[in-house]
Amino acid sequence: MGKYEIFVELEDIHSKYERIHSIIGILQMFTAEIVEIAGAPSNSLADALFEIEMGMGEANDRLKSLFAEKGGAA
């Protein structure tokens, strides 16, 4: 994997973290407006937490793979 491919991979990882950051914002709105949470679908919060967990795990695995491939610390 050349430098360009690594740059593209890191950009994609950055994009993933940005999407996860947005999901975290949604969770903050739920917790800030706890009184109105009853109007939300019952599985919204659980789905958002699952997306965060899976997204962070995927991004971390990709970073570890990049470091391992280039001989860095993983």
Protein backbone atom coordinates (compact mmCIF):
# COMPACT_ATOMS: atom_id res chain seq x y z
CA MET A 1 0.00 0.00 0.00
CA GLY A 2 1.54 3.29 -1.13
CA LYS A 3 1.40 6.68 0.54
CA TYR A 4 -1.59 7.75 -1.58
CA GLU A 5 -3.60 4.67 -0.58
CA ILE A 6 -2.77 5.25 3.08
CA PHE A 7 -3.88 8.87 2.77
CA VAL A 8 -7.18 7.78 1.19
CA GLU A 9 -7.68 5.17 3.92
CA LEU A 10 -7.00 7.73 6.66
CA GLU A 11 -9.43 10.18 5.02
CA ASP A 12 -12.09 7.46 5.01
CA ILE A 13 -11.43 6.71 8.67
CA HIS A 14 -11.71 10.42 9.44
CA SER A 15 -15.06 10.52 7.63
CA LYS A 16 -16.27 7.56 9.69
CA TYR A 17 -15.33 9.34 12.91
CA GLU A 18 -17.22 12.44 11.73
CA ARG A 19 -20.37 10.36 11.17
CA ILE A 20 -19.99 8.79 14.59
CA HIS A 21 -19.57 12.26 16.09
CA SER A 22 -22.93 13.21 14.58
CA ILE A 23 -24.55 10.15 16.16
CA ILE A 24 -23.13 11.17 19.51
CA GLY A 25 -24.81 14.57 19.03
CA ILE A 26 -28.13 12.79 18.51
CA LEU A 27 -27.63 10.91 21.77
CA GLN A 28 -26.89 14.15 23.55
CA MET A 29 -30.18 15.59 22.29
CA PHE A 30 -32.02 12.55 23.63
CA THR A 31 -30.46 12.90 27.04
CA ALA A 32 -30.90 16.70 27.13
CA GLU A 33 -34.61 16.38 26.38
CA ILE A 34 -35.37 13.30 28.47
CA VAL A 35 -38.97 14.41 28.98
CA GLU A 36 -39.69 14.18 25.25
CA ILE A 37 -37.91 10.87 24.70
CA ALA A 38 -41.21 9.02 25.04
CA GLY A 39 -42.19 10.31 21.60
CA ALA A 40 -39.14 8.70 19.95
CA PRO A 41 -39.17 5.13 18.61
CA SER A 42 -38.25 2.80 21.45
CA ASN A 43 -35.19 1.36 19.72
CA SER A 44 -33.64 4.67 18.52
CA LEU A 45 -31.22 5.03 21.41
CA ALA A 46 -30.18 1.37 21.33
CA ASP A 47 -29.64 1.53 17.57
CA ALA A 48 -27.53 4.68 17.88
CA LEU A 49 -25.38 3.13 20.61
CA PHE A 50 -24.91 0.00 18.50
CA GLU A 51 -23.83 2.11 15.49
CA ILE A 52 -21.30 3.95 17.64
CA GLU A 53 -19.90 0.72 19.03
CA MET A 54 -19.60 -0.94 15.63
CA GLY A 55 -18.23 2.17 13.92
CA MET A 56 -15.55 2.76 16.50
CA GLY A 57 -14.52 -0.90 16.46
CA GLU A 58 -14.30 -0.90 12.65
CA ALA A 59 -12.27 2.30 12.56
CA ASN A 60 -9.90 1.07 15.26
CA ASP A 61 -9.38 -2.24 13.46
CA ARG A 62 -8.55 -0.38 10.25
CA LEU A 63 -6.05 1.84 12.02
CA LYS A 64 -4.40 -1.17 13.65
CA SER A 65 -4.17 -2.82 10.25
CA LEU A 66 -2.50 0.25 8.74
CA PHE A 67 0.02 0.46 11.57
CA ALA A 68 0.76 -3.27 11.45
CA GLU A 69 1.24 -3.14 7.67
CA LYS A 70 3.74 -0.30 7.95
CA GLY A 71 5.53 -1.75 10.98
CA GLY A 72 4.21 0.79 13.44
CA ALA A 73 3.03 0.15 16.96
CA ALA A 74 -0.43 -1.39 17.08
